[in-house]
Structure formats: structure tokens, C-alpha cells
N, C-alpha and C. Protein backbone atom coordinates (compact mmCIF):
# COMPACT_ATOMS: atom_id res chain seq x y z
N MET A 1 -2.10 20.80 44.57
CA MET A 1 -0.72 21.65 43.85
C MET A 1 -1.05 23.53 43.70
N PRO A 2 -2.38 23.93 43.95
CA PRO A 2 -2.77 25.12 43.40
C PRO A 2 -1.54 25.85 44.94
N VAL A 3 -2.06 25.09 46.33
CA VAL A 3 -1.74 25.99 47.61
C VAL A 3 -0.14 26.34 47.39
N VAL A 4 0.60 25.08 46.49
CA VAL A 4 2.14 24.78 46.37
C VAL A 4 2.33 26.26 45.56
N GLY A 5 1.81 26.57 44.68
CA GLY A 5 1.97 27.85 43.70
C GLY A 5 1.84 28.64 44.41
N LYS A 6 0.59 28.91 45.40
CA LYS A 6 0.34 30.33 45.79
C LYS A 6 1.39 30.63 46.87
N LEU A 7 1.88 29.50 47.73
CA LEU A 7 2.63 29.72 48.76
C LEU A 7 4.03 29.73 47.93
N TYR A 8 4.53 29.67 47.10
CA TYR A 8 5.83 29.61 46.18
C TYR A 8 5.63 31.13 45.70
N LEU A 9 4.84 31.57 45.24
CA LEU A 9 4.39 32.70 44.82
C LEU A 9 4.94 34.07 45.96
N GLU A 10 4.56 33.48 46.97
CA GLU A 10 4.44 34.55 48.20
C GLU A 10 6.26 34.53 48.63
N GLY A 11 6.65 33.51 48.15
CA GLY A 11 8.46 34.02 48.71
C GLY A 11 9.23 32.86 49.27
N ASN A 12 7.84 31.65 49.40
CA ASN A 12 8.15 30.19 50.17
C ASN A 12 8.90 29.28 49.26
N ALA A 13 10.19 29.22 49.05
CA ALA A 13 10.95 28.76 48.48
C ALA A 13 11.17 27.25 48.86
N ASP A 14 11.19 26.72 50.13
CA ASP A 14 10.89 25.38 50.44
C ASP A 14 9.49 24.56 50.34
N VAL A 15 8.50 25.40 49.49
CA VAL A 15 7.28 24.74 48.88
C VAL A 15 7.96 24.08 47.92
N ILE A 16 8.81 24.07 47.29
CA ILE A 16 9.20 23.13 46.49
C ILE A 16 9.48 21.92 46.72
N LYS A 17 9.98 21.73 48.05
CA LYS A 17 10.19 20.11 48.45
C LYS A 17 9.01 19.53 48.37
N VAL A 18 7.92 19.87 49.25
CA VAL A 18 6.72 19.74 49.07
C VAL A 18 6.35 18.94 47.52
N ALA A 19 6.36 19.40 46.27
CA ALA A 19 5.90 19.58 45.33
C ALA A 19 6.64 18.29 44.88
N GLU A 20 8.11 18.28 45.51
CA GLU A 20 8.75 17.05 44.66
C GLU A 20 8.39 16.10 45.09
N LEU A 21 8.20 15.87 46.49
CA LEU A 21 7.90 14.77 47.03
C LEU A 21 6.51 14.42 47.16
N THR A 22 5.51 15.01 46.58
CA THR A 22 4.18 14.46 45.97
C THR A 22 4.26 14.18 44.81
N LEU A 23 5.03 14.64 43.98
CA LEU A 23 4.80 14.07 42.70
C LEU A 23 6.02 12.85 41.98
N SER A 24 6.92 12.92 42.69
CA SER A 24 7.82 11.98 42.80
C SER A 24 7.46 10.68 43.02
N SER A 25 6.39 9.82 44.18
CA SER A 25 6.30 8.87 44.51
C SER A 25 4.53 8.90 45.32
N GLY A 26 3.93 8.13 45.66
CA GLY A 26 2.50 8.11 46.25
C GLY A 26 1.49 8.43 45.40
N THR A 27 0.46 9.13 45.79
CA THR A 27 -1.15 9.66 44.80
C THR A 27 -0.73 10.38 43.88
N GLY A 28 0.19 11.28 44.31
CA GLY A 28 0.77 12.42 43.16
C GLY A 28 1.24 11.94 41.62
N PHE A 29 1.93 10.80 42.05
CA PHE A 29 2.42 9.86 40.77
C PHE A 29 1.95 9.21 40.31
N PHE A 30 0.66 8.37 41.12
CA PHE A 30 -0.48 7.73 40.39
C PHE A 30 -1.22 8.73 39.69
N TYR A 31 -1.24 9.74 40.43
CA TYR A 31 -2.63 10.79 39.40
C TYR A 31 -2.38 11.09 37.98
N LEU A 32 -0.71 11.65 38.25
CA LEU A 32 0.23 11.64 36.50
C LEU A 32 -0.11 10.40 36.09
N ILE A 33 0.35 9.69 35.84
CA ILE A 33 0.23 8.69 35.04
C ILE A 33 -1.41 8.22 34.85
N ALA A 34 -2.10 8.09 35.54
CA ALA A 34 -3.45 7.75 35.16
C ALA A 34 -4.35 8.81 34.30
N SER A 35 -3.76 9.96 34.82
CA SER A 35 -4.38 11.10 34.05
C SER A 35 -3.61 10.87 32.47
N ALA A 36 -2.61 10.41 32.26
CA ALA A 36 -1.98 10.50 30.78
C ALA A 36 -2.65 9.38 30.50
N PHE A 37 -2.66 8.26 30.76
CA PHE A 37 -3.15 6.89 30.17
C PHE A 37 -5.08 7.22 29.94
N ALA A 38 -5.54 8.25 30.86
CA ALA A 38 -7.17 8.60 30.57
C ALA A 38 -6.89 9.51 29.17
N LEU A 39 -6.24 10.32 29.08
CA LEU A 39 -5.74 11.48 27.98
C LEU A 39 -5.45 10.32 26.80
N THR A 40 -4.97 9.55 27.05
CA THR A 40 -4.31 8.76 25.57
C THR A 40 -5.48 8.11 25.27
N LEU A 41 -6.13 7.30 26.24
CA LEU A 41 -7.33 6.87 25.82
C LEU A 41 -8.66 7.35 24.94
N GLY A 42 -8.68 8.68 26.08
CA GLY A 42 -9.87 9.54 25.19
C GLY A 42 -9.41 9.68 23.86
N ALA A 43 -8.05 10.28 23.53
CA ALA A 43 -7.93 10.48 21.97
C ALA A 43 -7.75 9.57 21.40
N VAL A 44 -7.38 8.41 21.61
CA VAL A 44 -7.85 7.19 20.65
C VAL A 44 -9.78 7.05 20.42
N LEU A 45 -10.17 6.95 21.26
CA LEU A 45 -11.51 6.90 21.10
C LEU A 45 -12.39 8.02 20.42
N PHE A 46 -11.68 9.24 20.30
CA PHE A 46 -12.45 10.19 19.55
C PHE A 46 -11.53 10.38 18.40
N ALA A 47 -10.73 9.86 17.89
CA ALA A 47 -9.62 9.59 16.80
C ALA A 47 -10.71 8.70 15.93
N ILE A 48 -11.16 7.43 16.69
CA ILE A 48 -11.63 6.26 16.14
C ILE A 48 -13.00 7.11 15.63
N ALA A 49 -14.00 7.96 16.11
CA ALA A 49 -15.39 8.42 16.11
C ALA A 49 -14.71 9.37 14.52
N MET A 50 -13.81 9.86 14.66
CA MET A 50 -13.63 11.13 13.45
C MET A 50 -12.91 10.21 12.28
N TRP A 51 -12.41 9.33 12.70
CA TRP A 51 -12.05 8.21 11.62
C TRP A 51 -13.04 7.73 10.54
N LYS A 52 -14.70 7.52 11.28
CA LYS A 52 -15.29 7.03 11.11
C LYS A 52 -16.73 7.81 10.34
N THR A 53 -15.86 9.34 10.36
CA THR A 53 -16.54 10.18 9.39
C THR A 53 -16.19 10.31 8.31
N ASN A 54 -17.17 10.86 7.40
CA ASN A 54 -16.60 11.14 5.77
C ASN A 54 -16.37 12.69 5.36
N ASN A 55 -16.28 13.17 6.47
CA ASN A 55 -16.65 14.62 5.96
C ASN A 55 -14.68 15.00 6.70
N LEU A 56 -14.38 14.27 7.24
CA LEU A 56 -12.44 14.70 7.79
C LEU A 56 -11.38 13.90 7.03
N PRO A 57 -10.56 14.10 6.57
CA PRO A 57 -9.39 13.37 5.93
C PRO A 57 -9.07 12.54 6.89
N HIS A 58 -8.46 11.27 6.90
CA HIS A 58 -7.81 10.30 7.64
C HIS A 58 -6.74 10.42 8.30
N TRP A 59 -6.05 11.48 7.89
CA TRP A 59 -4.86 11.78 8.29
C TRP A 59 -4.90 12.99 9.89
N LEU A 60 -6.04 13.08 9.67
CA LEU A 60 -6.35 14.05 10.87
C LEU A 60 -6.69 13.44 12.06
N PRO A 61 -7.18 12.57 12.13
CA PRO A 61 -7.52 11.60 13.45
C PRO A 61 -5.79 11.01 14.21
N VAL A 62 -5.13 10.88 13.43
CA VAL A 62 -3.34 9.96 13.32
C VAL A 62 -2.90 11.46 14.40
N ILE A 63 -2.97 13.08 13.81
CA ILE A 63 -2.45 13.56 14.29
C ILE A 63 -2.86 14.14 15.86
N TYR A 64 -4.13 13.46 16.30
CA TYR A 64 -4.75 13.89 17.28
C TYR A 64 -4.03 12.59 18.37
N VAL A 65 -4.50 11.56 17.93
CA VAL A 65 -3.46 10.58 19.03
C VAL A 65 -1.95 10.99 19.19
N VAL A 66 -1.13 11.12 17.96
CA VAL A 66 0.10 11.48 17.92
C VAL A 66 0.26 12.58 19.46
N GLN A 67 -0.70 13.61 18.94
CA GLN A 67 -0.31 14.83 19.83
C GLN A 67 -0.84 14.64 21.30
N ALA A 68 -2.20 13.71 21.60
CA ALA A 68 -1.81 13.20 22.63
C ALA A 68 -0.87 12.50 23.36
N PHE A 69 -0.33 11.58 22.48
CA PHE A 69 0.56 11.06 23.60
C PHE A 69 1.87 11.39 23.75
N GLY A 70 2.18 12.64 23.06
CA GLY A 70 2.84 13.64 23.31
C GLY A 70 3.04 14.79 24.33
N LEU A 71 1.69 14.92 24.52
CA LEU A 71 1.41 15.91 25.59
C LEU A 71 1.46 14.91 27.13
N SER A 72 0.84 13.79 26.90
CA SER A 72 0.71 12.92 28.26
C SER A 72 2.23 12.58 28.73
N PHE A 73 2.65 11.80 27.62
CA PHE A 73 4.41 11.33 27.61
C PHE A 73 5.15 11.72 27.62
N GLY A 74 5.53 12.90 26.83
CA GLY A 74 6.17 13.71 25.80
C GLY A 74 7.40 14.25 27.62
N ALA A 75 6.48 15.04 28.30
CA ALA A 75 7.56 15.54 29.33
C ALA A 75 8.37 14.56 30.24
N SER A 76 7.95 12.97 30.27
CA SER A 76 9.07 11.93 30.70
C SER A 76 9.76 11.53 29.39
N ILE A 77 9.97 11.36 28.14
CA ILE A 77 10.48 11.15 27.29
C ILE A 77 11.41 12.29 27.03
N GLY A 78 11.29 13.62 26.60
CA GLY A 78 12.18 14.58 26.83
C GLY A 78 11.45 15.97 26.40
N TYR A 79 11.60 17.45 26.58
CA TYR A 79 10.85 18.18 26.18
C TYR A 79 10.42 18.41 24.92
N PRO A 80 11.46 18.05 24.19
CA PRO A 80 11.02 18.33 22.33
C PRO A 80 9.53 17.59 22.02
N PHE A 81 9.73 16.45 22.49
CA PHE A 81 8.17 15.58 22.33
C PHE A 81 7.18 16.41 23.05
N GLU A 82 7.08 16.80 24.05
CA GLU A 82 6.46 17.47 24.95
C GLU A 82 5.82 18.98 24.07
N MET A 83 6.85 19.50 23.39
CA MET A 83 6.35 20.75 22.64
C MET A 83 5.72 20.21 21.17
N THR A 84 6.14 18.74 20.57
CA THR A 84 5.70 18.64 19.60
C THR A 84 4.36 18.19 19.72
N GLY A 85 3.99 17.62 20.30
CA GLY A 85 2.48 17.44 21.02
C GLY A 85 1.65 18.89 21.02
N GLY A 86 2.26 19.62 21.78
CA GLY A 86 1.57 21.04 21.73
C GLY A 86 1.48 22.02 20.47
N ILE A 87 2.22 21.45 19.24
CA ILE A 87 2.23 22.16 18.26
C ILE A 87 1.58 21.34 17.20
N LEU A 88 1.18 20.02 17.30
CA LEU A 88 0.25 19.22 16.43
C LEU A 88 -1.27 19.09 16.97
N LEU A 89 -1.09 19.89 18.31
CA LEU A 89 -2.66 20.18 19.11
C LEU A 89 -2.98 21.79 18.33
N LEU A 90 -2.13 22.30 18.19
CA LEU A 90 -2.38 23.84 17.49
C LEU A 90 -2.87 23.31 16.36
N VAL A 91 -2.13 22.61 15.46
CA VAL A 91 -2.48 22.40 14.16
C VAL A 91 -3.82 21.47 13.71
N PHE A 92 -3.70 20.34 14.40
CA PHE A 92 -5.04 20.00 14.61
C PHE A 92 -6.13 20.79 14.94
N SER A 93 -6.00 21.39 15.71
CA SER A 93 -7.26 22.40 16.26
C SER A 93 -8.25 23.41 15.00
N PHE A 94 -6.46 23.97 14.57
CA PHE A 94 -7.27 25.01 13.62
C PHE A 94 -7.33 24.28 12.19
N ILE A 95 -7.29 23.00 11.81
CA ILE A 95 -7.51 22.13 10.62
C ILE A 95 -8.62 21.66 11.08
N PHE A 96 -9.21 21.22 12.02
CA PHE A 96 -10.78 20.42 12.56
C PHE A 96 -11.84 21.35 12.63
N GLY A 97 -11.09 23.10 13.40
CA GLY A 97 -12.23 24.15 12.82
C GLY A 97 -12.58 24.54 11.99
N MET A 98 -11.45 24.63 11.42
CA MET A 98 -11.96 24.60 9.62
C MET A 98 -12.65 24.17 8.86
N LYS A 99 -12.41 22.53 9.14
CA LYS A 99 -13.49 21.55 8.50
C LYS A 99 -14.66 21.71 8.89
N MET A 100 -14.73 22.04 9.92
CA MET A 100 -16.49 22.19 11.12
C MET A 100 -17.16 23.28 10.61
N TRP A 101 -16.40 24.20 10.27
CA TRP A 101 -16.88 25.43 10.00
C TRP A 101 -17.02 25.44 8.23
N ALA A 102 -16.77 25.10 7.36
CA ALA A 102 -16.61 24.11 6.36
C ALA A 102 -18.36 23.75 6.12
N HIS A 103 -18.20 22.81 6.83
CA HIS A 103 -19.51 22.00 7.06
C HIS A 103 -20.58 22.50 7.67
N SER A 104 -20.76 23.40 8.59
CA SER A 104 -21.46 23.82 9.25
C SER A 104 -23.02 24.40 8.14
N PRO A 105 -23.83 24.47 8.47
CA PRO A 105 -25.13 24.73 7.86
C PRO A 105 -25.19 26.13 8.34
N SER A 106 -25.40 27.04 6.92
CA SER A 106 -25.58 28.15 6.75
C SER A 106 -27.06 28.92 7.61
N PRO A 107 -26.62 29.90 8.14
CA PRO A 107 -28.18 30.48 8.97
C PRO A 107 -29.29 31.30 8.12
């Protein structure tokens, strides 16, 4: 796909058809589905690890799983779901960072 993007930026508009064919079926489509499931599975495993710690509120791992689902499968449902996943990732990252900073040892 980086080659497709480069050719498009050089003014070759026909390369969009190549991208559509690559992602509509075959290897590209399989890669997208596999990566969506891998992201969601990884998020669930990380959420389980966060749930077992006593330093984090239990609603934080739930936000993490929901954002992963929104970012991986949200585009197929609709743009608002994908956007919600991005916003939840931003919220999660801020809160998780603040919690980790609060529990870090002082130098």
C-alpha cells in the first residue's frame, strides 16, 4: 500500500483501482480481517492483565476493549463507531498514563 500512496501522490489516479482490488478480496482483505481480530484479542488479553491489578479502576480495561473493537471493526459498521474508538483510546491513554505516573517511584 505505500507504493499505491506514492503513485497517487505523483498524480496517478488509476492506482485507486489497484487499491480497491487489493482490499476488496484476496490477500489484502484477509490481512485486514486477521489484523482486526489480532488487535481485539490483544486488547482483551491486556485488559485481563489490567483487571487483575489493584492499582487501576475496573472500568479502565473495559474502555480499552471497547476502543479496540471500535478501531478494528468500527469502519465496517460506520465512521462514528471508528471515531468513538479513537476518542476512547485518547481517553484511555490519558487516564492510564496519569495512573501510572501517580504510582511510579520517585527518583
